[in-house]
């Protein structure tokens, strides 16, 4: 359980049908179990006056990110499709910020940065500016998946100097290789994130 106030932002990472629904193209086992804790955190953050930011993978139909185009992932979260939509059980606040990543075909693991899948060149998203505009001093990270977008978001938050809390009850891992989720937790802890 994290503490919230007006200087804290809750980052709700990629709770979308393709990841959170068993019929999704890149279903994360354990995702249905994290939905209630994620919603609990959203309510606690809202009640404390915290900023809530949601992220969505939002890919074009073809991108080097996808297996069919030379990448490693099955096609997922294609812009405007059922798979890219927020899971219907996710509580989405009307006045929250929503950041879509990977819109130009980039790898969008972190909510803070996107990366060209061919050159590796990174570009910032609007997230750091949004946090600065709201005088945010610390972040709490929940969502999917522990070993990719949650991890990269938390590592970027630490790199940018934000005290960062990751809630293990409100994240789930892909575990492409057994133990990836546990290694991600350890990497976030080593970077200075609080693992709660």
N, C-alpha and C. Protein backbone atom coordinates (compact mmCIF):
# COMPACT_ATOMS: atom_id res chain seq x y z
N UNK A 1 0.84 -1.19 0.00
CA UNK A 1 0.00 0.00 0.00
C UNK A 1 0.89 1.25 0.00
N UNK A 2 0.64 2.13 -0.95
CA UNK A 2 1.45 3.34 -1.07
C UNK A 2 0.72 4.52 -0.44
N UNK A 3 1.49 5.52 -0.04
CA UNK A 3 0.90 6.75 0.45
C UNK A 3 0.72 7.73 -0.71
N UNK A 4 -0.35 8.51 -0.68
CA UNK A 4 -0.64 9.45 -1.75
C UNK A 4 -0.87 10.84 -1.20
N UNK A 5 -0.49 11.83 -2.00
CA UNK A 5 -0.78 13.23 -1.71
C UNK A 5 -0.68 14.01 -3.03
N UNK A 6 -0.77 15.33 -2.94
CA UNK A 6 -0.80 16.14 -4.17
C UNK A 6 0.55 16.19 -4.88
N UNK A 7 1.60 15.72 -4.23
CA UNK A 7 2.93 15.69 -4.86
C UNK A 7 3.28 14.31 -5.42
N UNK A 8 2.31 13.39 -5.38
CA UNK A 8 2.53 12.01 -5.83
C UNK A 8 1.70 11.74 -7.07
N UNK A 9 2.28 11.02 -8.03
CA UNK A 9 1.54 10.58 -9.22
C UNK A 9 1.48 9.06 -9.23
N UNK A 10 0.31 8.54 -9.58
CA UNK A 10 0.14 7.11 -9.81
C UNK A 10 0.21 6.87 -11.31
N UNK A 11 1.16 6.03 -11.73
CA UNK A 11 1.31 5.68 -13.14
C UNK A 11 0.71 4.30 -13.36
N UNK A 12 -0.38 4.25 -14.14
CA UNK A 12 -1.10 3.01 -14.41
C UNK A 12 -0.67 2.56 -15.82
N UNK A 13 0.16 1.53 -15.86
CA UNK A 13 0.87 1.17 -17.09
C UNK A 13 0.14 0.07 -17.86
N UNK A 14 -0.35 0.40 -19.05
CA UNK A 14 -0.74 -0.56 -20.09
C UNK A 14 -1.71 -1.64 -19.64
N UNK A 15 -2.77 -1.26 -18.90
CA UNK A 15 -3.78 -2.24 -18.51
C UNK A 15 -4.81 -2.31 -19.65
N UNK A 16 -4.41 -3.00 -20.73
CA UNK A 16 -5.15 -3.05 -21.98
C UNK A 16 -5.57 -4.49 -22.29
N UNK A 17 -6.58 -4.62 -23.14
CA UNK A 17 -7.14 -5.95 -23.42
C UNK A 17 -6.10 -6.94 -23.92
N UNK A 18 -5.21 -6.53 -24.81
CA UNK A 18 -4.25 -7.49 -25.36
C UNK A 18 -3.33 -8.07 -24.29
N UNK A 19 -3.14 -7.35 -23.18
CA UNK A 19 -2.30 -7.82 -22.09
C UNK A 19 -3.11 -8.43 -20.95
N UNK A 20 -4.30 -7.88 -20.68
CA UNK A 20 -5.04 -8.21 -19.46
C UNK A 20 -6.19 -9.18 -19.67
N UNK A 21 -6.58 -9.44 -20.91
CA UNK A 21 -7.68 -10.35 -21.20
C UNK A 21 -7.12 -11.67 -21.74
N UNK A 22 -7.63 -12.82 -21.28
CA UNK A 22 -7.11 -14.10 -21.78
C UNK A 22 -7.19 -14.25 -23.29
N UNK A 23 -8.08 -13.50 -23.95
CA UNK A 23 -8.18 -13.55 -25.42
C UNK A 23 -7.23 -12.56 -26.10
N UNK A 24 -6.47 -11.81 -25.32
CA UNK A 24 -5.54 -10.84 -25.89
C UNK A 24 -4.37 -11.52 -26.58
N UNK A 25 -3.78 -10.81 -27.53
CA UNK A 25 -2.69 -11.41 -28.33
C UNK A 25 -1.39 -11.57 -27.54
N UNK A 26 -1.27 -10.88 -26.41
CA UNK A 26 -0.05 -10.96 -25.60
C UNK A 26 -0.44 -11.01 -24.12
N UNK A 27 -1.35 -11.96 -23.82
CA UNK A 27 -1.93 -12.08 -22.48
C UNK A 27 -0.84 -12.32 -21.44
N UNK A 28 -0.89 -11.55 -20.37
CA UNK A 28 0.04 -11.67 -19.24
C UNK A 28 -0.66 -12.49 -18.16
N UNK A 29 -0.17 -13.71 -17.92
CA UNK A 29 -0.77 -14.55 -16.88
C UNK A 29 -0.66 -13.81 -15.54
N UNK A 30 -1.72 -13.81 -14.81
CA UNK A 30 -1.74 -13.07 -13.55
C UNK A 30 -2.35 -11.69 -13.68
N UNK A 31 -2.55 -11.22 -14.92
CA UNK A 31 -3.12 -9.87 -15.11
C UNK A 31 -4.51 -9.72 -14.51
N UNK A 32 -5.42 -10.69 -14.69
CA UNK A 32 -6.75 -10.50 -14.09
C UNK A 32 -6.71 -10.31 -12.57
N UNK A 33 -5.73 -10.95 -11.91
CA UNK A 33 -5.62 -10.83 -10.45
C UNK A 33 -5.13 -9.46 -10.01
N UNK A 34 -4.44 -8.73 -10.88
CA UNK A 34 -3.93 -7.41 -10.45
C UNK A 34 -4.95 -6.30 -10.69
N UNK A 35 -6.01 -6.57 -11.42
CA UNK A 35 -6.99 -5.51 -11.70
C UNK A 35 -7.62 -4.94 -10.43
N UNK A 36 -8.11 -5.76 -9.49
CA UNK A 36 -8.68 -5.17 -8.27
C UNK A 36 -7.68 -4.34 -7.47
N UNK A 37 -6.43 -4.81 -7.25
CA UNK A 37 -5.48 -3.94 -6.55
C UNK A 37 -5.16 -2.65 -7.31
N UNK A 38 -5.07 -2.72 -8.64
CA UNK A 38 -4.84 -1.50 -9.43
C UNK A 38 -5.98 -0.52 -9.20
N UNK A 39 -7.22 -1.00 -9.28
CA UNK A 39 -8.37 -0.11 -9.06
C UNK A 39 -8.38 0.47 -7.65
N UNK A 40 -7.98 -0.33 -6.66
CA UNK A 40 -7.89 0.18 -5.28
C UNK A 40 -6.91 1.34 -5.21
N UNK A 41 -5.76 1.20 -5.88
CA UNK A 41 -4.76 2.27 -5.86
C UNK A 41 -5.28 3.52 -6.57
N UNK A 42 -5.99 3.33 -7.68
CA UNK A 42 -6.56 4.47 -8.41
C UNK A 42 -7.52 5.24 -7.50
N UNK A 43 -8.36 4.52 -6.78
CA UNK A 43 -9.31 5.18 -5.87
C UNK A 43 -8.59 5.90 -4.74
N UNK A 44 -7.56 5.26 -4.17
CA UNK A 44 -6.82 5.89 -3.08
C UNK A 44 -6.09 7.15 -3.58
N UNK A 45 -5.51 7.06 -4.78
CA UNK A 45 -4.82 8.22 -5.35
C UNK A 45 -5.80 9.36 -5.62
N UNK A 46 -6.92 9.03 -6.22
CA UNK A 46 -7.94 10.05 -6.51
C UNK A 46 -8.40 10.74 -5.23
N UNK A 47 -8.69 9.93 -4.20
CA UNK A 47 -9.21 10.50 -2.95
C UNK A 47 -8.19 11.41 -2.26
N UNK A 48 -6.89 11.17 -2.52
CA UNK A 48 -5.83 11.99 -1.90
C UNK A 48 -5.45 13.19 -2.76
N UNK A 49 -6.09 13.35 -3.92
CA UNK A 49 -5.77 14.47 -4.80
C UNK A 49 -4.50 14.26 -5.61
N UNK A 50 -4.08 13.00 -5.77
CA UNK A 50 -2.89 12.70 -6.55
C UNK A 50 -3.20 12.72 -8.04
N UNK A 51 -2.18 12.99 -8.83
CA UNK A 51 -2.29 12.89 -10.28
C UNK A 51 -2.31 11.41 -10.66
N UNK A 52 -3.22 11.03 -11.56
CA UNK A 52 -3.24 9.66 -12.09
C UNK A 52 -2.98 9.74 -13.59
N UNK A 53 -1.97 9.00 -14.04
CA UNK A 53 -1.61 8.97 -15.46
C UNK A 53 -1.73 7.53 -15.96
N UNK A 54 -2.47 7.34 -17.03
CA UNK A 54 -2.60 6.02 -17.65
C UNK A 54 -1.76 6.00 -18.92
N UNK A 55 -1.13 4.84 -19.18
CA UNK A 55 -0.43 4.69 -20.46
C UNK A 55 -1.09 3.60 -21.27
N UNK A 56 -0.97 3.74 -22.59
CA UNK A 56 -1.44 2.73 -23.53
C UNK A 56 -0.39 2.51 -24.60
N UNK A 57 -0.06 1.23 -24.87
CA UNK A 57 0.62 0.91 -26.12
C UNK A 57 -0.37 1.26 -27.23
N UNK A 58 0.11 1.86 -28.31
CA UNK A 58 -0.81 2.36 -29.36
C UNK A 58 -0.06 2.29 -30.69
N UNK A 59 0.10 1.06 -31.19
CA UNK A 59 0.99 0.82 -32.31
C UNK A 59 0.29 0.92 -33.67
N UNK A 60 1.04 1.28 -34.72
CA UNK A 60 0.51 1.14 -36.08
C UNK A 60 0.41 -0.34 -36.44
N UNK A 61 -0.25 -0.64 -37.57
CA UNK A 61 -0.46 -2.04 -37.95
C UNK A 61 0.85 -2.76 -38.24
N UNK A 62 1.82 -2.03 -38.77
CA UNK A 62 3.14 -2.61 -39.03
C UNK A 62 4.21 -1.78 -38.34
N UNK A 63 5.10 -2.46 -37.65
CA UNK A 63 6.19 -1.80 -36.94
C UNK A 63 7.30 -2.82 -36.71
N UNK A 64 8.56 -2.42 -36.76
CA UNK A 64 9.66 -3.34 -36.47
C UNK A 64 9.56 -3.96 -35.07
N UNK A 65 8.67 -3.43 -34.25
CA UNK A 65 8.41 -3.95 -32.91
C UNK A 65 7.73 -5.33 -32.99
N UNK A 66 7.00 -5.60 -34.10
CA UNK A 66 6.19 -6.81 -34.23
C UNK A 66 6.97 -7.93 -34.92
N UNK A 67 6.70 -9.15 -34.50
CA UNK A 67 7.34 -10.34 -35.06
C UNK A 67 7.17 -10.41 -36.58
N UNK A 68 5.97 -10.10 -37.07
CA UNK A 68 5.71 -10.19 -38.51
C UNK A 68 6.55 -9.19 -39.31
N UNK A 69 7.06 -8.17 -38.63
CA UNK A 69 7.87 -7.14 -39.29
C UNK A 69 9.33 -7.19 -38.84
N UNK A 70 9.73 -8.32 -38.24
CA UNK A 70 11.13 -8.50 -37.86
C UNK A 70 11.42 -8.34 -36.38
N UNK A 71 10.40 -8.02 -35.58
CA UNK A 71 10.61 -7.85 -34.14
C UNK A 71 10.41 -9.13 -33.36
N UNK A 72 10.16 -9.00 -32.07
CA UNK A 72 10.04 -10.18 -31.21
C UNK A 72 8.62 -10.44 -30.73
N UNK A 73 7.71 -9.48 -30.87
CA UNK A 73 6.38 -9.59 -30.25
C UNK A 73 5.30 -9.88 -31.29
N UNK A 74 4.29 -10.67 -30.90
CA UNK A 74 3.12 -10.77 -31.77
C UNK A 74 2.47 -9.39 -31.89
N UNK A 75 1.75 -9.17 -32.99
CA UNK A 75 1.05 -7.88 -33.13
C UNK A 75 0.13 -7.68 -31.93
N UNK A 76 0.20 -6.48 -31.34
CA UNK A 76 -0.61 -6.19 -30.15
C UNK A 76 -0.88 -4.70 -30.06
N UNK A 77 -1.99 -4.37 -29.40
CA UNK A 77 -2.33 -2.97 -29.11
C UNK A 77 -2.23 -2.09 -30.36
N UNK A 78 -2.78 -2.59 -31.46
CA UNK A 78 -2.83 -1.79 -32.68
C UNK A 78 -3.86 -0.68 -32.48
N UNK A 79 -3.46 0.54 -32.79
CA UNK A 79 -4.27 1.74 -32.53
C UNK A 79 -5.71 1.55 -32.95
N UNK A 80 -6.64 1.84 -32.03
CA UNK A 80 -8.05 1.83 -32.35
C UNK A 80 -8.73 0.47 -32.28
N UNK A 81 -7.97 -0.59 -31.98
CA UNK A 81 -8.56 -1.93 -31.94
C UNK A 81 -9.01 -2.29 -30.52
N UNK A 82 -9.78 -3.39 -30.43
CA UNK A 82 -10.20 -3.91 -29.13
C UNK A 82 -8.98 -4.17 -28.25
N UNK A 83 -7.93 -4.74 -28.82
CA UNK A 83 -6.76 -5.09 -28.05
C UNK A 83 -6.07 -3.90 -27.41
N UNK A 84 -6.16 -2.73 -28.04
CA UNK A 84 -5.50 -1.53 -27.53
C UNK A 84 -6.34 -0.81 -26.47
N UNK A 85 -7.63 -1.15 -26.39
CA UNK A 85 -8.52 -0.47 -25.44
C UNK A 85 -8.18 -0.86 -24.01
N UNK A 86 -8.46 0.05 -23.08
CA UNK A 86 -8.32 -0.29 -21.66
C UNK A 86 -9.23 -1.46 -21.34
N UNK A 87 -8.76 -2.33 -20.45
CA UNK A 87 -9.60 -3.44 -20.00
C UNK A 87 -10.87 -2.87 -19.38
N UNK A 88 -12.04 -3.47 -19.68
CA UNK A 88 -13.29 -2.90 -19.18
C UNK A 88 -13.42 -2.87 -17.66
N UNK A 89 -12.67 -3.71 -16.96
CA UNK A 89 -12.73 -3.68 -15.49
C UNK A 89 -11.83 -2.60 -14.90
N UNK A 90 -10.97 -1.98 -15.71
CA UNK A 90 -10.09 -0.92 -15.19
C UNK A 90 -10.89 0.35 -14.95
N UNK A 91 -10.72 0.93 -13.79
CA UNK A 91 -11.36 2.21 -13.49
C UNK A 91 -10.53 3.33 -14.14
N UNK A 92 -11.13 4.00 -15.11
CA UNK A 92 -10.43 5.09 -15.80
C UNK A 92 -11.10 6.41 -15.39
N UNK A 93 -10.36 7.24 -14.71
CA UNK A 93 -10.89 8.52 -14.23
C UNK A 93 -11.09 9.48 -15.40
N UNK A 94 -12.18 10.22 -15.37
CA UNK A 94 -12.53 11.13 -16.47
C UNK A 94 -11.47 12.19 -16.71
N UNK A 95 -10.86 12.70 -15.63
CA UNK A 95 -9.96 13.84 -15.76
C UNK A 95 -8.48 13.43 -15.76
N UNK A 96 -8.22 12.12 -15.91
CA UNK A 96 -6.84 11.65 -15.85
C UNK A 96 -6.10 11.93 -17.15
N UNK A 97 -4.79 11.96 -17.05
CA UNK A 97 -3.93 12.06 -18.23
C UNK A 97 -3.79 10.66 -18.85
N UNK A 98 -3.86 10.59 -20.18
CA UNK A 98 -3.62 9.32 -20.89
C UNK A 98 -2.50 9.56 -21.89
N UNK A 99 -1.44 8.76 -21.77
CA UNK A 99 -0.31 8.86 -22.68
C UNK A 99 -0.26 7.61 -23.55
N UNK A 100 -0.25 7.80 -24.86
CA UNK A 100 -0.14 6.69 -25.80
C UNK A 100 1.28 6.62 -26.32
N UNK A 101 1.86 5.41 -26.31
CA UNK A 101 3.26 5.25 -26.68
C UNK A 101 3.41 4.24 -27.81
N UNK A 102 4.48 4.41 -28.59
CA UNK A 102 4.70 3.55 -29.74
C UNK A 102 3.87 3.93 -30.95
N UNK A 103 3.32 5.14 -30.94
CA UNK A 103 2.40 5.55 -32.00
C UNK A 103 3.07 5.65 -33.37
N UNK A 104 4.38 5.89 -33.37
CA UNK A 104 5.11 5.98 -34.63
C UNK A 104 5.88 4.72 -34.96
N UNK A 105 5.54 3.62 -34.28
CA UNK A 105 6.22 2.36 -34.53
C UNK A 105 7.42 2.12 -33.64
N UNK A 106 7.65 3.02 -32.68
CA UNK A 106 8.79 2.87 -31.77
C UNK A 106 8.51 1.77 -30.75
N UNK A 107 9.59 1.31 -30.09
CA UNK A 107 9.43 0.50 -28.89
C UNK A 107 9.05 1.47 -27.78
N UNK A 108 7.93 1.20 -27.13
CA UNK A 108 7.47 2.10 -26.08
C UNK A 108 7.38 1.39 -24.75
N UNK A 109 8.49 0.85 -24.27
CA UNK A 109 8.43 0.13 -23.00
C UNK A 109 8.22 1.08 -21.83
N UNK A 110 9.02 2.12 -21.73
CA UNK A 110 8.88 3.09 -20.65
C UNK A 110 7.83 4.13 -21.01
N UNK A 111 7.07 4.57 -20.00
CA UNK A 111 6.11 5.66 -20.24
C UNK A 111 6.85 6.99 -20.40
N UNK A 112 8.12 7.03 -20.00
CA UNK A 112 8.92 8.25 -20.11
C UNK A 112 9.62 8.40 -21.46
N UNK A 113 9.92 7.28 -22.14
CA UNK A 113 10.71 7.36 -23.37
C UNK A 113 10.21 6.34 -24.40
N UNK A 114 10.43 6.67 -25.67
CA UNK A 114 10.25 5.69 -26.75
C UNK A 114 11.59 5.52 -27.45
N UNK A 115 11.78 4.35 -28.07
CA UNK A 115 13.07 4.02 -28.67
C UNK A 115 12.86 3.51 -30.09
N UNK A 116 13.65 4.04 -31.02
CA UNK A 116 13.60 3.55 -32.39
C UNK A 116 14.10 2.11 -32.38
N UNK A 117 13.27 1.13 -32.86
CA UNK A 117 13.67 -0.27 -32.76
C UNK A 117 14.85 -0.64 -33.66
N UNK A 118 15.18 0.22 -34.62
CA UNK A 118 16.28 -0.09 -35.53
C UNK A 118 17.57 0.63 -35.12
N UNK A 119 17.47 1.90 -34.72
CA UNK A 119 18.67 2.67 -34.36
C UNK A 119 18.94 2.70 -32.86
N UNK A 120 17.91 2.42 -32.05
CA UNK A 120 18.06 2.50 -30.61
C UNK A 120 17.97 3.91 -30.06
N UNK A 121 17.77 4.90 -30.94
CA UNK A 121 17.69 6.29 -30.50
C UNK A 121 16.44 6.50 -29.64
N UNK A 122 16.62 7.19 -28.50
CA UNK A 122 15.52 7.41 -27.58
C UNK A 122 15.01 8.85 -27.65
N UNK A 123 13.71 8.99 -27.43
CA UNK A 123 13.07 10.31 -27.36
C UNK A 123 12.13 10.33 -26.17
N UNK A 124 12.05 11.46 -25.51
CA UNK A 124 11.18 11.59 -24.35
C UNK A 124 9.72 11.68 -24.78
N UNK A 125 8.84 11.10 -23.97
CA UNK A 125 7.40 11.34 -24.12
C UNK A 125 7.07 12.62 -23.35
N UNK A 126 5.78 12.91 -23.23
CA UNK A 126 5.35 14.10 -22.49
C UNK A 126 5.30 13.88 -20.99
N UNK A 127 5.61 12.66 -20.51
CA UNK A 127 5.36 12.35 -19.10
C UNK A 127 6.16 13.22 -18.14
N UNK A 128 7.46 13.39 -18.38
CA UNK A 128 8.25 14.18 -17.44
C UNK A 128 7.71 15.61 -17.35
N UNK A 129 7.35 16.19 -18.50
CA UNK A 129 6.79 17.56 -18.49
C UNK A 129 5.47 17.60 -17.72
N UNK A 130 4.62 16.60 -17.91
CA UNK A 130 3.34 16.54 -17.19
C UNK A 130 3.58 16.49 -15.69
N UNK A 131 4.53 15.66 -15.26
CA UNK A 131 4.82 15.57 -13.83
C UNK A 131 5.36 16.89 -13.30
N UNK A 132 6.22 17.54 -14.07
CA UNK A 132 6.75 18.84 -13.64
C UNK A 132 5.63 19.88 -13.57
N UNK A 133 4.74 19.88 -14.56
CA UNK A 133 3.64 20.86 -14.58
C UNK A 133 2.74 20.71 -13.36
N UNK A 134 2.65 19.50 -12.81
CA UNK A 134 1.81 19.26 -11.64
C UNK A 134 2.62 19.23 -10.34
N UNK A 135 3.88 19.66 -10.40
CA UNK A 135 4.76 19.71 -9.22
C UNK A 135 4.86 18.36 -8.52
N UNK A 136 4.93 17.31 -9.33
CA UNK A 136 5.02 15.96 -8.78
C UNK A 136 6.46 15.69 -8.31
N UNK A 137 6.57 15.10 -7.12
CA UNK A 137 7.88 14.80 -6.55
C UNK A 137 8.17 13.31 -6.45
N UNK A 138 7.13 12.46 -6.46
CA UNK A 138 7.35 11.02 -6.39
C UNK A 138 6.28 10.30 -7.20
N UNK A 139 6.61 9.04 -7.59
CA UNK A 139 5.66 8.28 -8.41
C UNK A 139 5.47 6.89 -7.82
N UNK A 140 4.27 6.36 -8.07
CA UNK A 140 3.91 4.98 -7.74
C UNK A 140 3.57 4.31 -9.06
N UNK A 141 4.11 3.11 -9.29
CA UNK A 141 3.93 2.42 -10.57
C UNK A 141 3.16 1.12 -10.36
N UNK A 142 2.09 0.94 -11.16
CA UNK A 142 1.32 -0.30 -11.17
C UNK A 142 1.02 -0.65 -12.62
N UNK A 143 0.61 -1.91 -12.88
CA UNK A 143 0.18 -2.27 -14.23
C UNK A 143 0.96 -3.41 -14.83
N UNK A 144 1.08 -3.38 -16.17
CA UNK A 144 1.61 -4.50 -16.94
C UNK A 144 2.69 -4.03 -17.91
N UNK A 145 3.67 -4.80 -18.10
CA UNK A 145 4.04 -6.01 -17.37
C UNK A 145 5.32 -5.72 -16.57
N UNK A 146 5.45 -6.43 -15.46
CA UNK A 146 6.56 -6.18 -14.53
C UNK A 146 7.91 -6.13 -15.23
N UNK A 147 8.14 -7.08 -16.13
CA UNK A 147 9.47 -7.27 -16.70
C UNK A 147 9.73 -6.44 -17.95
N UNK A 148 8.78 -5.61 -18.36
CA UNK A 148 8.99 -4.74 -19.52
C UNK A 148 8.57 -3.31 -19.20
N UNK A 149 7.31 -2.98 -19.42
CA UNK A 149 6.92 -1.57 -19.33
C UNK A 149 6.94 -1.04 -17.89
N UNK A 150 6.58 -1.87 -16.92
CA UNK A 150 6.67 -1.43 -15.52
C UNK A 150 8.13 -1.20 -15.15
N UNK A 151 8.98 -2.17 -15.47
CA UNK A 151 10.41 -2.06 -15.12
C UNK A 151 11.04 -0.83 -15.78
N UNK A 152 10.85 -0.68 -17.10
CA UNK A 152 11.50 0.43 -17.79
C UNK A 152 10.98 1.78 -17.31
N UNK A 153 9.68 1.85 -16.98
CA UNK A 153 9.12 3.09 -16.45
C UNK A 153 9.74 3.42 -15.09
N UNK A 154 9.84 2.41 -14.22
CA UNK A 154 10.42 2.65 -12.89
C UNK A 154 11.89 3.02 -12.99
N UNK A 155 12.63 2.36 -13.89
CA UNK A 155 14.06 2.69 -14.04
C UNK A 155 14.23 4.11 -14.57
N UNK A 156 13.39 4.52 -15.52
CA UNK A 156 13.46 5.90 -16.02
C UNK A 156 13.09 6.90 -14.93
N UNK A 157 12.08 6.57 -14.14
CA UNK A 157 11.68 7.47 -13.05
C UNK A 157 12.84 7.68 -12.09
N UNK A 158 13.55 6.59 -11.76
CA UNK A 158 14.70 6.71 -10.87
C UNK A 158 15.83 7.52 -11.54
N UNK A 159 16.07 7.25 -12.82
CA UNK A 159 17.12 7.98 -13.56
C UNK A 159 16.83 9.48 -13.54
N UNK A 160 15.55 9.85 -13.58
CA UNK A 160 15.16 11.25 -13.58
C UNK A 160 15.05 11.84 -12.18
N UNK A 161 15.32 11.00 -11.17
CA UNK A 161 15.37 11.51 -9.80
C UNK A 161 14.09 11.42 -9.00
N UNK A 162 13.08 10.74 -9.52
CA UNK A 162 11.83 10.62 -8.77
C UNK A 162 11.91 9.45 -7.78
N UNK A 163 11.65 9.70 -6.49
CA UNK A 163 11.43 8.57 -5.60
C UNK A 163 10.29 7.73 -6.18
N UNK A 164 10.48 6.42 -6.23
CA UNK A 164 9.58 5.54 -6.99
C UNK A 164 9.21 4.34 -6.15
N UNK A 165 7.91 4.04 -6.12
CA UNK A 165 7.40 2.85 -5.45
C UNK A 165 6.73 1.96 -6.48
N UNK A 166 7.04 0.67 -6.47
CA UNK A 166 6.39 -0.32 -7.33
C UNK A 166 5.63 -1.28 -6.42
N UNK A 167 4.33 -1.44 -6.69
CA UNK A 167 3.49 -2.28 -5.84
C UNK A 167 3.38 -3.68 -6.43
N UNK A 168 3.98 -4.67 -5.76
CA UNK A 168 4.03 -6.02 -6.32
C UNK A 168 2.65 -6.67 -6.43
N UNK A 169 1.68 -6.24 -5.61
CA UNK A 169 0.34 -6.81 -5.70
C UNK A 169 -0.42 -6.29 -6.92
N UNK A 170 0.11 -5.25 -7.55
CA UNK A 170 -0.60 -4.59 -8.64
C UNK A 170 0.19 -4.61 -9.94
N UNK A 171 1.10 -5.60 -10.08
CA UNK A 171 1.85 -5.81 -11.32
C UNK A 171 1.88 -7.31 -11.61
N UNK A 172 2.09 -7.66 -12.88
CA UNK A 172 2.24 -9.07 -13.28
C UNK A 172 3.25 -9.12 -14.41
N UNK A 173 3.99 -10.25 -14.48
CA UNK A 173 5.09 -10.38 -15.43
C UNK A 173 4.74 -11.26 -16.61
N UNK A 174 5.35 -10.96 -17.76
CA UNK A 174 5.26 -11.82 -18.94
C UNK A 174 6.03 -13.12 -18.70
N UNK A 175 7.22 -12.99 -18.11
CA UNK A 175 8.11 -14.13 -17.89
C UNK A 175 8.38 -14.91 -19.18
N UNK A 176 8.81 -14.16 -20.21
CA UNK A 176 9.20 -14.78 -21.47
C UNK A 176 10.23 -15.87 -21.20
N UNK A 177 11.17 -15.55 -20.30
CA UNK A 177 12.09 -16.54 -19.74
C UNK A 177 11.75 -16.67 -18.27
N UNK A 178 11.70 -17.90 -17.75
CA UNK A 178 11.35 -18.05 -16.33
C UNK A 178 12.23 -17.17 -15.44
N UNK A 179 11.58 -16.46 -14.52
CA UNK A 179 12.32 -15.62 -13.60
C UNK A 179 12.49 -14.18 -14.06
N UNK A 180 12.03 -13.84 -15.27
CA UNK A 180 12.17 -12.46 -15.75
C UNK A 180 11.52 -11.46 -14.80
N UNK A 181 10.35 -11.80 -14.28
CA UNK A 181 9.66 -10.89 -13.37
C UNK A 181 10.46 -10.64 -12.10
N UNK A 182 11.02 -11.72 -11.54
CA UNK A 182 11.82 -11.58 -10.32
C UNK A 182 13.09 -10.77 -10.60
N UNK A 183 13.71 -11.00 -11.76
CA UNK A 183 14.91 -10.22 -12.11
C UNK A 183 14.56 -8.74 -12.30
N UNK A 184 13.38 -8.48 -12.85
CA UNK A 184 12.94 -7.09 -13.03
C UNK A 184 12.75 -6.40 -11.69
N UNK A 185 12.12 -7.10 -10.75
CA UNK A 185 11.94 -6.55 -9.39
C UNK A 185 13.30 -6.21 -8.78
N UNK A 186 14.24 -7.11 -8.94
CA UNK A 186 15.57 -6.88 -8.37
C UNK A 186 16.27 -5.70 -9.04
N UNK A 187 16.12 -5.56 -10.37
CA UNK A 187 16.73 -4.44 -11.08
C UNK A 187 16.13 -3.12 -10.61
N UNK A 188 14.82 -3.09 -10.39
CA UNK A 188 14.17 -1.87 -9.90
C UNK A 188 14.64 -1.54 -8.49
N UNK A 189 14.76 -2.58 -7.67
CA UNK A 189 15.23 -2.37 -6.29
C UNK A 189 16.66 -1.81 -6.31
N UNK A 190 17.51 -2.40 -7.14
CA UNK A 190 18.91 -1.95 -7.22
C UNK A 190 19.01 -0.51 -7.70
N UNK A 191 18.03 -0.07 -8.52
CA UNK A 191 18.02 1.31 -9.01
C UNK A 191 17.49 2.29 -7.96
N UNK A 192 17.05 1.75 -6.83
CA UNK A 192 16.59 2.62 -5.75
C UNK A 192 15.09 2.71 -5.61
N UNK A 193 14.35 1.93 -6.39
CA UNK A 193 12.89 1.93 -6.25
C UNK A 193 12.50 1.19 -4.98
N UNK A 194 11.46 1.66 -4.32
CA UNK A 194 10.89 0.95 -3.19
C UNK A 194 9.97 -0.13 -3.74
N UNK A 195 10.17 -1.37 -3.34
CA UNK A 195 9.33 -2.47 -3.78
C UNK A 195 8.39 -2.79 -2.61
N UNK A 196 7.11 -2.54 -2.80
CA UNK A 196 6.15 -2.67 -1.70
C UNK A 196 5.11 -3.74 -2.00
